[in-house]
Amino acid sequence: MERAAARACYRKLFRSTTAVFQRDKAMLEAARQRIRQEFIQNRNLPPEELQVKVDWGNQIAEFLSKNLVQAEKQVDGSYKLNIRPSTDLSSDFPPSIAVCTRNKK
């Protein structure tokens, strides 16, 4: 059962990174490489330790999905936030976002 949970966590992390970094191929590849590396490194853990790692991985996937937003630089120097439906727009996030541009002299 622990191995099935680990596989599900692996897939969840890959889906989360795909959604978050879909427009940033370098970051997507780096995140996936790190996920693979961690899972290979922890492949032979005892069930108790494996469950702790799986829980941690699931929390990371949820954090990425809900809290990480990438910004894309626009031609005019401003930034556009790529907010997804899964992004948590809690009270910490202002309802109207004024994107600041660098003062040009």
N, C-alpha and C. Protein backbone atom coordinates (compact mmCIF):
# COMPACT_ATOMS: atom_id res chain seq x y z
N MET A 1 0.82 -1.20 0.00
CA MET A 1 0.00 0.00 0.00
C MET A 1 0.87 1.26 0.00
N GLU A 2 1.99 1.23 0.72
CA GLU A 2 2.86 2.40 0.78
C GLU A 2 3.43 2.75 -0.59
N ARG A 3 3.76 1.73 -1.36
CA ARG A 3 4.33 1.96 -2.70
C ARG A 3 3.29 2.61 -3.62
N ALA A 4 2.04 2.19 -3.49
CA ALA A 4 0.97 2.79 -4.30
C ALA A 4 0.79 4.26 -3.92
N ALA A 5 0.88 4.56 -2.63
CA ALA A 5 0.76 5.94 -2.17
C ALA A 5 1.94 6.77 -2.68
N ALA A 6 3.12 6.17 -2.73
CA ALA A 6 4.30 6.87 -3.24
C ALA A 6 4.15 7.17 -4.73
N ARG A 7 3.63 6.20 -5.49
CA ARG A 7 3.40 6.43 -6.92
C ARG A 7 2.37 7.52 -7.15
N ALA A 8 1.31 7.51 -6.35
CA ALA A 8 0.27 8.54 -6.47
C ALA A 8 0.84 9.91 -6.15
N CYS A 9 1.68 9.99 -5.15
CA CYS A 9 2.33 11.25 -4.77
C CYS A 9 3.24 11.73 -5.90
N TYR A 10 3.99 10.82 -6.49
CA TYR A 10 4.88 11.14 -7.61
C TYR A 10 4.08 11.76 -8.75
N ARG A 11 2.98 11.12 -9.10
CA ARG A 11 2.12 11.63 -10.18
C ARG A 11 1.52 12.99 -9.82
N LYS A 12 1.12 13.15 -8.57
CA LYS A 12 0.54 14.42 -8.12
C LYS A 12 1.57 15.54 -8.21
N LEU A 13 2.80 15.26 -7.82
CA LEU A 13 3.87 16.26 -7.92
C LEU A 13 4.13 16.62 -9.38
N PHE A 14 4.13 15.63 -10.27
CA PHE A 14 4.35 15.91 -11.69
C PHE A 14 3.21 16.74 -12.26
N ARG A 15 1.97 16.43 -11.89
CA ARG A 15 0.84 17.23 -12.38
C ARG A 15 0.92 18.66 -11.86
N SER A 16 1.28 18.82 -10.61
CA SER A 16 1.38 20.17 -10.02
C SER A 16 2.46 20.99 -10.70
N THR A 17 3.62 20.39 -10.90
CA THR A 17 4.70 21.14 -11.54
C THR A 17 4.37 21.45 -13.00
N THR A 18 3.67 20.55 -13.67
CA THR A 18 3.26 20.80 -15.05
C THR A 18 2.32 22.01 -15.12
N ALA A 19 1.37 22.08 -14.22
CA ALA A 19 0.43 23.20 -14.21
C ALA A 19 1.12 24.51 -13.86
N VAL A 20 1.99 24.48 -12.88
CA VAL A 20 2.64 25.71 -12.40
C VAL A 20 3.69 26.22 -13.38
N PHE A 21 4.48 25.32 -13.93
CA PHE A 21 5.61 25.72 -14.78
C PHE A 21 5.38 25.46 -16.26
N GLN A 22 4.14 25.44 -16.70
CA GLN A 22 3.86 25.08 -18.09
C GLN A 22 4.51 26.03 -19.11
N ARG A 23 4.76 27.26 -18.73
CA ARG A 23 5.37 28.22 -19.66
C ARG A 23 6.85 28.44 -19.37
N ASP A 24 7.41 27.66 -18.49
CA ASP A 24 8.82 27.81 -18.11
C ASP A 24 9.47 26.43 -18.18
N LYS A 25 9.91 26.07 -19.37
CA LYS A 25 10.43 24.72 -19.61
C LYS A 25 11.66 24.40 -18.76
N ALA A 26 12.53 25.37 -18.55
CA ALA A 26 13.73 25.11 -17.75
C ALA A 26 13.36 24.79 -16.31
N MET A 27 12.45 25.56 -15.74
CA MET A 27 12.03 25.33 -14.35
C MET A 27 11.25 24.02 -14.24
N LEU A 28 10.43 23.72 -15.23
CA LEU A 28 9.68 22.46 -15.23
C LEU A 28 10.64 21.27 -15.23
N GLU A 29 11.64 21.32 -16.08
CA GLU A 29 12.60 20.22 -16.15
C GLU A 29 13.40 20.10 -14.85
N ALA A 30 13.79 21.23 -14.27
CA ALA A 30 14.54 21.20 -13.01
C ALA A 30 13.70 20.62 -11.88
N ALA A 31 12.43 21.01 -11.83
CA ALA A 31 11.53 20.48 -10.78
C ALA A 31 11.34 18.99 -10.95
N ARG A 32 11.12 18.55 -12.17
CA ARG A 32 10.92 17.11 -12.42
C ARG A 32 12.17 16.31 -12.10
N GLN A 33 13.32 16.85 -12.45
CA GLN A 33 14.58 16.16 -12.14
C GLN A 33 14.74 16.01 -10.63
N ARG A 34 14.40 17.06 -9.89
CA ARG A 34 14.50 17.00 -8.42
C ARG A 34 13.53 15.98 -7.84
N ILE A 35 12.31 15.93 -8.38
CA ILE A 35 11.32 14.94 -7.92
C ILE A 35 11.86 13.54 -8.15
N ARG A 36 12.34 13.26 -9.37
CA ARG A 36 12.90 11.94 -9.68
C ARG A 36 14.04 11.59 -8.72
N GLN A 37 14.94 12.55 -8.53
CA GLN A 37 16.10 12.34 -7.66
C GLN A 37 15.68 11.97 -6.24
N GLU A 38 14.71 12.70 -5.69
CA GLU A 38 14.25 12.43 -4.32
C GLU A 38 13.59 11.06 -4.22
N PHE A 39 12.78 10.70 -5.22
CA PHE A 39 12.11 9.41 -5.16
C PHE A 39 13.09 8.26 -5.31
N ILE A 40 14.08 8.41 -6.16
CA ILE A 40 15.10 7.36 -6.32
C ILE A 40 15.92 7.24 -5.04
N GLN A 41 16.30 8.37 -4.47
CA GLN A 41 17.11 8.38 -3.25
C GLN A 41 16.38 7.73 -2.08
N ASN A 42 15.07 7.88 -2.01
CA ASN A 42 14.30 7.36 -0.87
C ASN A 42 13.51 6.09 -1.21
N ARG A 43 13.92 5.41 -2.23
CA ARG A 43 13.21 4.23 -2.73
C ARG A 43 13.10 3.10 -1.71
N ASN A 44 14.11 2.90 -0.91
CA ASN A 44 14.15 1.75 -0.01
C ASN A 44 13.92 2.09 1.45
N LEU A 45 13.17 3.14 1.70
CA LEU A 45 12.88 3.52 3.09
C LEU A 45 11.91 2.53 3.73
N PRO A 46 11.99 2.38 5.05
CA PRO A 46 10.99 1.57 5.75
C PRO A 46 9.61 2.23 5.63
N PRO A 47 8.54 1.46 5.77
CA PRO A 47 7.18 1.98 5.57
C PRO A 47 6.85 3.24 6.38
N GLU A 48 7.32 3.31 7.61
CA GLU A 48 7.00 4.48 8.45
C GLU A 48 7.64 5.75 7.89
N GLU A 49 8.91 5.64 7.52
CA GLU A 49 9.62 6.79 6.96
C GLU A 49 9.08 7.15 5.58
N LEU A 50 8.72 6.13 4.82
CA LEU A 50 8.16 6.37 3.49
C LEU A 50 6.86 7.16 3.59
N GLN A 51 6.03 6.81 4.57
CA GLN A 51 4.75 7.51 4.73
C GLN A 51 4.97 8.99 5.07
N VAL A 52 5.98 9.27 5.88
CA VAL A 52 6.31 10.66 6.22
C VAL A 52 6.71 11.42 4.95
N LYS A 53 7.54 10.80 4.11
CA LYS A 53 7.97 11.43 2.86
C LYS A 53 6.80 11.63 1.91
N VAL A 54 5.90 10.65 1.82
CA VAL A 54 4.73 10.76 0.95
C VAL A 54 3.83 11.90 1.42
N ASP A 55 3.61 11.98 2.72
CA ASP A 55 2.79 13.08 3.26
C ASP A 55 3.42 14.42 2.92
N TRP A 56 4.72 14.52 3.08
CA TRP A 56 5.44 15.75 2.77
C TRP A 56 5.31 16.08 1.28
N GLY A 57 5.47 15.09 0.42
CA GLY A 57 5.33 15.30 -1.02
C GLY A 57 3.94 15.77 -1.40
N ASN A 58 2.92 15.20 -0.77
CA ASN A 58 1.55 15.64 -1.05
C ASN A 58 1.32 17.08 -0.60
N GLN A 59 1.92 17.46 0.52
CA GLN A 59 1.80 18.84 0.99
C GLN A 59 2.50 19.80 0.02
N ILE A 60 3.64 19.39 -0.50
CA ILE A 60 4.37 20.22 -1.46
C ILE A 60 3.54 20.39 -2.73
N ALA A 61 2.97 19.30 -3.23
CA ALA A 61 2.15 19.38 -4.44
C ALA A 61 0.97 20.32 -4.24
N GLU A 62 0.34 20.24 -3.09
CA GLU A 62 -0.79 21.13 -2.80
C GLU A 62 -0.34 22.58 -2.69
N PHE A 63 0.80 22.80 -2.04
CA PHE A 63 1.33 24.16 -1.93
C PHE A 63 1.62 24.74 -3.31
N LEU A 64 2.27 23.96 -4.16
CA LEU A 64 2.57 24.43 -5.51
C LEU A 64 1.30 24.81 -6.26
N SER A 65 0.30 23.95 -6.18
CA SER A 65 -0.95 24.20 -6.91
C SER A 65 -1.68 25.43 -6.42
N LYS A 66 -1.68 25.63 -5.12
CA LYS A 66 -2.49 26.71 -4.55
C LYS A 66 -1.75 28.03 -4.39
N ASN A 67 -0.46 28.00 -4.16
CA ASN A 67 0.25 29.20 -3.73
C ASN A 67 1.30 29.75 -4.69
N LEU A 68 1.74 28.98 -5.64
CA LEU A 68 2.80 29.46 -6.52
C LEU A 68 2.20 30.03 -7.79
N VAL A 69 2.55 31.27 -8.08
CA VAL A 69 2.08 31.95 -9.28
C VAL A 69 3.30 32.49 -10.00
N GLN A 70 3.40 32.21 -11.28
CA GLN A 70 4.51 32.75 -12.04
C GLN A 70 4.08 34.04 -12.73
N ALA A 71 5.05 34.90 -12.93
CA ALA A 71 4.80 36.16 -13.62
C ALA A 71 5.60 36.17 -14.91
N GLU A 72 4.99 36.67 -15.96
CA GLU A 72 5.66 36.78 -17.25
C GLU A 72 5.89 38.25 -17.56
N LYS A 73 7.11 38.56 -17.95
CA LYS A 73 7.43 39.94 -18.30
C LYS A 73 6.81 40.26 -19.66
N GLN A 74 6.13 41.38 -19.71
CA GLN A 74 5.48 41.83 -20.93
C GLN A 74 6.41 42.77 -21.71
N VAL A 75 6.03 43.04 -22.93
CA VAL A 75 6.83 43.90 -23.80
C VAL A 75 7.03 45.28 -23.19
N ASP A 76 6.01 45.80 -22.52
CA ASP A 76 6.09 47.15 -21.94
C ASP A 76 6.85 47.19 -20.61
N GLY A 77 7.39 46.06 -20.17
CA GLY A 77 8.16 46.02 -18.93
C GLY A 77 7.36 45.64 -17.71
N SER A 78 6.04 45.57 -17.84
CA SER A 78 5.20 45.14 -16.71
C SER A 78 5.20 43.61 -16.65
N TYR A 79 4.57 43.07 -15.63
CA TYR A 79 4.49 41.63 -15.46
C TYR A 79 3.04 41.19 -15.41
N LYS A 80 2.77 40.06 -16.04
CA LYS A 80 1.43 39.48 -16.03
C LYS A 80 1.48 38.24 -15.14
N LEU A 81 0.60 38.17 -14.15
CA LEU A 81 0.53 37.01 -13.27
C LEU A 81 -0.29 35.92 -13.93
N ASN A 82 0.23 34.72 -13.92
CA ASN A 82 -0.47 33.56 -14.47
C ASN A 82 -1.24 32.87 -13.34
N ILE A 83 -2.43 33.37 -13.07
CA ILE A 83 -3.26 32.83 -12.00
C ILE A 83 -4.13 31.72 -12.58
N ARG A 84 -4.04 30.55 -11.95
CA ARG A 84 -4.80 29.38 -12.39
C ARG A 84 -6.06 29.23 -11.54
N PRO A 85 -7.03 28.43 -11.98
CA PRO A 85 -8.23 28.19 -11.16
C PRO A 85 -7.91 27.61 -9.79
N SER A 86 -6.82 26.87 -9.67
CA SER A 86 -6.46 26.25 -8.39
C SER A 86 -5.75 27.22 -7.44
N THR A 87 -5.39 28.40 -7.92
CA THR A 87 -4.68 29.38 -7.09
C THR A 87 -5.57 29.85 -5.95
N ASP A 88 -5.02 29.83 -4.75
CA ASP A 88 -5.76 30.26 -3.57
C ASP A 88 -5.70 31.78 -3.47
N LEU A 89 -6.82 32.42 -3.71
CA LEU A 89 -6.89 33.88 -3.62
C LEU A 89 -7.48 34.27 -2.28
N SER A 90 -6.74 33.96 -1.23
CA SER A 90 -7.21 34.22 0.13
C SER A 90 -7.11 35.71 0.45
N SER A 91 -7.41 36.05 1.67
CA SER A 91 -7.40 37.45 2.09
C SER A 91 -6.00 38.06 2.03
N ASP A 92 -4.96 37.23 1.96
CA ASP A 92 -3.60 37.75 1.85
C ASP A 92 -3.32 38.30 0.46
N PHE A 93 -4.15 37.96 -0.49
CA PHE A 93 -3.95 38.33 -1.88
C PHE A 93 -4.93 39.45 -2.21
N PRO A 94 -4.47 40.62 -2.58
CA PRO A 94 -5.40 41.73 -2.83
C PRO A 94 -6.34 41.43 -3.99
N PRO A 95 -7.61 41.84 -3.90
CA PRO A 95 -8.58 41.56 -4.95
C PRO A 95 -8.26 42.22 -6.28
N SER A 96 -7.71 43.41 -6.24
CA SER A 96 -7.28 44.04 -7.49
C SER A 96 -5.78 44.27 -7.39
N ILE A 97 -5.09 43.75 -8.36
CA ILE A 97 -3.63 43.78 -8.31
C ILE A 97 -3.13 44.86 -9.25
N ALA A 98 -2.43 45.80 -8.70
CA ALA A 98 -1.78 46.82 -9.52
C ALA A 98 -0.36 46.35 -9.77
N VAL A 99 -0.06 46.05 -11.00
CA VAL A 99 1.27 45.56 -11.33
C VAL A 99 2.18 46.76 -11.51
N CYS A 100 3.23 46.78 -10.73
CA CYS A 100 4.17 47.90 -10.77
C CYS A 100 5.15 47.70 -11.92
N THR A 101 5.45 48.77 -12.56
CA THR A 101 6.48 48.73 -13.59
C THR A 101 7.67 49.52 -13.08
N ARG A 102 8.79 49.18 -13.61
CA ARG A 102 10.01 49.86 -13.22
C ARG A 102 9.96 51.30 -13.74
N ASN A 103 10.35 52.23 -12.90
CA ASN A 103 10.38 53.63 -13.33
C ASN A 103 11.49 53.81 -14.35
N LYS A 104 11.10 54.32 -15.48
CA LYS A 104 12.08 54.55 -16.54
C LYS A 104 12.46 56.01 -16.53
N LYS A 105 13.74 56.27 -16.54
CA LYS A 105 14.24 57.65 -16.50
C LYS A 105 14.68 58.10 -17.86
